[in-house]
């Protein structure tokens, strides 16, 4: 699995219908109307996020590695 930055993942989420609910420090919190889950994306400058964090966010949002 390739690693991506938080900024890039935010763009992907917005393309798939997620909308930014709020920003808490360096964490962007996204929600989607038809899904009751939220997605918390850490945006730390332009650094790539850890693979485990990325997998957790993808699982919560229903996205796959091919969506990246």
N, C-alpha and C. Protein backbone atom coordinates (compact mmCIF):
# COMPACT_ATOMS: atom_id res chain seq x y z
N UNK A 1 0.86 -1.18 0.00
CA UNK A 1 0.00 0.00 0.00
C UNK A 1 0.89 1.23 0.00
N UNK A 2 0.55 2.18 -0.85
CA UNK A 2 1.35 3.40 -0.89
C UNK A 2 0.88 4.35 0.20
N UNK A 3 1.81 5.13 0.68
CA UNK A 3 1.50 6.10 1.71
C UNK A 3 1.15 7.44 1.06
N UNK A 4 0.17 8.13 1.62
CA UNK A 4 -0.24 9.42 1.07
C UNK A 4 -0.25 10.45 2.19
N UNK A 5 -0.25 11.71 1.82
CA UNK A 5 -0.31 12.77 2.82
C UNK A 5 -1.76 13.02 3.23
N UNK A 6 -1.91 13.71 4.34
CA UNK A 6 -3.25 14.04 4.81
C UNK A 6 -3.98 14.98 3.87
N UNK A 7 -3.25 15.92 3.28
CA UNK A 7 -3.87 16.85 2.33
C UNK A 7 -4.43 16.11 1.13
N UNK A 8 -3.68 15.13 0.62
CA UNK A 8 -4.12 14.37 -0.54
C UNK A 8 -5.35 13.53 -0.19
N UNK A 9 -5.34 12.92 0.99
CA UNK A 9 -6.48 12.11 1.41
C UNK A 9 -7.73 12.98 1.58
N UNK A 10 -7.58 14.20 2.04
CA UNK A 10 -8.72 15.12 2.16
C UNK A 10 -9.35 15.38 0.79
N UNK A 11 -8.51 15.57 -0.23
CA UNK A 11 -9.03 15.79 -1.58
C UNK A 11 -9.80 14.57 -2.08
N UNK A 12 -9.27 13.38 -1.81
CA UNK A 12 -9.93 12.15 -2.24
C UNK A 12 -11.28 11.99 -1.54
N UNK A 13 -11.32 12.27 -0.25
CA UNK A 13 -12.58 12.16 0.49
C UNK A 13 -13.63 13.12 -0.07
N UNK A 14 -13.22 14.35 -0.36
CA UNK A 14 -14.16 15.33 -0.89
C UNK A 14 -14.67 14.93 -2.27
N UNK A 15 -13.84 14.26 -3.07
CA UNK A 15 -14.27 13.78 -4.38
C UNK A 15 -15.30 12.66 -4.25
N UNK A 16 -15.29 11.94 -3.13
CA UNK A 16 -16.21 10.84 -2.91
C UNK A 16 -17.41 11.24 -2.05
N UNK A 17 -17.67 12.52 -1.93
CA UNK A 17 -18.89 12.98 -1.28
C UNK A 17 -18.78 13.30 0.20
N UNK A 18 -17.61 13.19 0.78
CA UNK A 18 -17.44 13.54 2.19
C UNK A 18 -17.29 15.05 2.28
N UNK A 19 -17.81 15.63 3.35
CA UNK A 19 -17.68 17.09 3.50
C UNK A 19 -17.01 17.40 4.83
N UNK A 20 -16.25 18.47 4.83
CA UNK A 20 -15.51 18.89 6.01
C UNK A 20 -16.49 19.43 7.04
N UNK A 21 -16.52 18.82 8.21
CA UNK A 21 -17.42 19.26 9.26
C UNK A 21 -16.75 20.33 10.12
N UNK A 22 -15.51 20.04 10.53
CA UNK A 22 -14.78 21.01 11.35
C UNK A 22 -13.30 20.65 11.35
N UNK A 23 -12.49 21.58 11.85
CA UNK A 23 -11.06 21.36 11.99
C UNK A 23 -10.72 21.54 13.46
N UNK A 24 -10.04 20.57 14.01
CA UNK A 24 -9.63 20.63 15.41
C UNK A 24 -8.11 20.50 15.44
N UNK A 25 -7.43 21.62 15.52
CA UNK A 25 -5.97 21.60 15.48
C UNK A 25 -5.49 21.19 14.10
N UNK A 26 -4.77 20.07 14.04
CA UNK A 26 -4.26 19.59 12.75
C UNK A 26 -5.08 18.40 12.25
N UNK A 27 -6.26 18.18 12.82
CA UNK A 27 -7.11 17.06 12.41
C UNK A 27 -8.37 17.58 11.72
N UNK A 28 -8.59 17.10 10.51
CA UNK A 28 -9.76 17.48 9.73
C UNK A 28 -10.82 16.41 9.92
N UNK A 29 -12.01 16.79 10.32
CA UNK A 29 -13.08 15.85 10.61
C UNK A 29 -14.12 15.94 9.50
N UNK A 30 -14.32 14.81 8.81
CA UNK A 30 -15.23 14.72 7.67
C UNK A 30 -16.44 13.88 8.04
N UNK A 31 -17.57 14.20 7.42
CA UNK A 31 -18.78 13.41 7.60
C UNK A 31 -19.48 13.26 6.25
N UNK A 32 -20.33 12.24 6.19
CA UNK A 32 -21.11 11.98 4.98
C UNK A 32 -22.52 11.65 5.43
N UNK A 33 -23.50 12.19 4.72
CA UNK A 33 -24.90 12.07 5.15
C UNK A 33 -25.40 10.64 5.20
N UNK A 34 -25.07 9.82 4.20
CA UNK A 34 -25.62 8.47 4.15
C UNK A 34 -24.83 7.46 5.00
N UNK A 35 -23.71 7.89 5.57
CA UNK A 35 -22.91 7.03 6.45
C UNK A 35 -22.83 7.69 7.82
N UNK A 36 -23.05 6.91 8.87
CA UNK A 36 -23.06 7.50 10.21
C UNK A 36 -21.68 7.64 10.81
N UNK A 37 -20.65 7.21 10.11
CA UNK A 37 -19.29 7.31 10.62
C UNK A 37 -18.70 8.68 10.29
N UNK A 38 -17.66 9.03 11.03
CA UNK A 38 -16.89 10.22 10.71
C UNK A 38 -15.48 9.77 10.37
N UNK A 39 -14.77 10.61 9.66
CA UNK A 39 -13.38 10.32 9.29
C UNK A 39 -12.52 11.45 9.83
N UNK A 40 -11.54 11.10 10.63
CA UNK A 40 -10.62 12.08 11.19
C UNK A 40 -9.29 11.91 10.47
N UNK A 41 -8.89 12.95 9.74
CA UNK A 41 -7.68 12.90 8.93
C UNK A 41 -6.62 13.82 9.54
N UNK A 42 -5.47 13.26 9.95
CA UNK A 42 -4.40 14.11 10.46
C UNK A 42 -3.67 14.79 9.30
N UNK A 43 -3.59 16.10 9.34
CA UNK A 43 -2.90 16.86 8.30
C UNK A 43 -1.72 17.55 8.97
N UNK A 44 -0.56 16.92 8.86
CA UNK A 44 0.66 17.45 9.46
C UNK A 44 1.60 17.88 8.35
N UNK A 45 1.51 19.16 8.00
CA UNK A 45 2.28 19.74 6.90
C UNK A 45 2.00 18.93 5.64
N UNK A 46 3.02 18.44 4.99
CA UNK A 46 2.80 17.63 3.79
C UNK A 46 3.43 16.25 3.97
N UNK A 47 3.52 15.80 5.22
CA UNK A 47 4.13 14.50 5.53
C UNK A 47 3.15 13.38 5.24
N UNK A 48 3.67 12.25 4.81
CA UNK A 48 2.85 11.07 4.59
C UNK A 48 2.41 10.49 5.93
N UNK A 49 1.17 10.01 5.96
CA UNK A 49 0.68 9.42 7.20
C UNK A 49 1.09 7.96 7.28
N UNK A 50 1.04 7.41 8.46
CA UNK A 50 1.42 6.02 8.67
C UNK A 50 0.40 5.10 8.00
N UNK A 51 0.88 3.93 7.59
CA UNK A 51 0.04 2.98 6.86
C UNK A 51 -1.14 2.52 7.71
N UNK A 52 -0.92 2.27 9.00
CA UNK A 52 -2.01 1.83 9.87
C UNK A 52 -3.10 2.87 10.00
N UNK A 53 -2.72 4.12 10.10
CA UNK A 53 -3.69 5.22 10.18
C UNK A 53 -4.48 5.30 8.88
N UNK A 54 -3.79 5.19 7.76
CA UNK A 54 -4.44 5.24 6.45
C UNK A 54 -5.44 4.09 6.29
N UNK A 55 -5.04 2.88 6.70
CA UNK A 55 -5.94 1.73 6.58
C UNK A 55 -7.18 1.90 7.44
N UNK A 56 -7.02 2.45 8.63
CA UNK A 56 -8.16 2.68 9.51
C UNK A 56 -9.14 3.68 8.90
N UNK A 57 -8.62 4.76 8.32
CA UNK A 57 -9.48 5.76 7.70
C UNK A 57 -10.19 5.17 6.48
N UNK A 58 -9.47 4.40 5.68
CA UNK A 58 -10.09 3.78 4.50
C UNK A 58 -11.19 2.81 4.91
N UNK A 59 -10.97 2.04 5.96
CA UNK A 59 -11.97 1.10 6.43
C UNK A 59 -13.22 1.84 6.93
N UNK A 60 -13.02 2.94 7.64
CA UNK A 60 -14.15 3.71 8.18
C UNK A 60 -14.96 4.40 7.09
N UNK A 61 -14.29 4.79 6.00
CA UNK A 61 -14.98 5.52 4.95
C UNK A 61 -15.50 4.64 3.84
N UNK A 62 -15.08 3.39 3.80
CA UNK A 62 -15.52 2.49 2.75
C UNK A 62 -14.74 2.63 1.46
N UNK A 63 -13.63 3.34 1.49
CA UNK A 63 -12.79 3.50 0.30
C UNK A 63 -11.82 2.33 0.21
N UNK A 64 -11.25 2.13 -0.97
CA UNK A 64 -10.26 1.09 -1.16
C UNK A 64 -8.94 1.72 -1.58
N UNK A 65 -7.91 0.88 -1.65
CA UNK A 65 -6.60 1.37 -2.07
C UNK A 65 -6.63 1.88 -3.51
N UNK A 66 -7.50 1.30 -4.34
CA UNK A 66 -7.60 1.74 -5.73
C UNK A 66 -8.19 3.15 -5.84
N UNK A 67 -8.95 3.59 -4.83
CA UNK A 67 -9.51 4.94 -4.86
C UNK A 67 -8.43 6.01 -4.67
N UNK A 68 -7.28 5.61 -4.15
CA UNK A 68 -6.21 6.56 -3.93
C UNK A 68 -5.52 6.82 -5.25
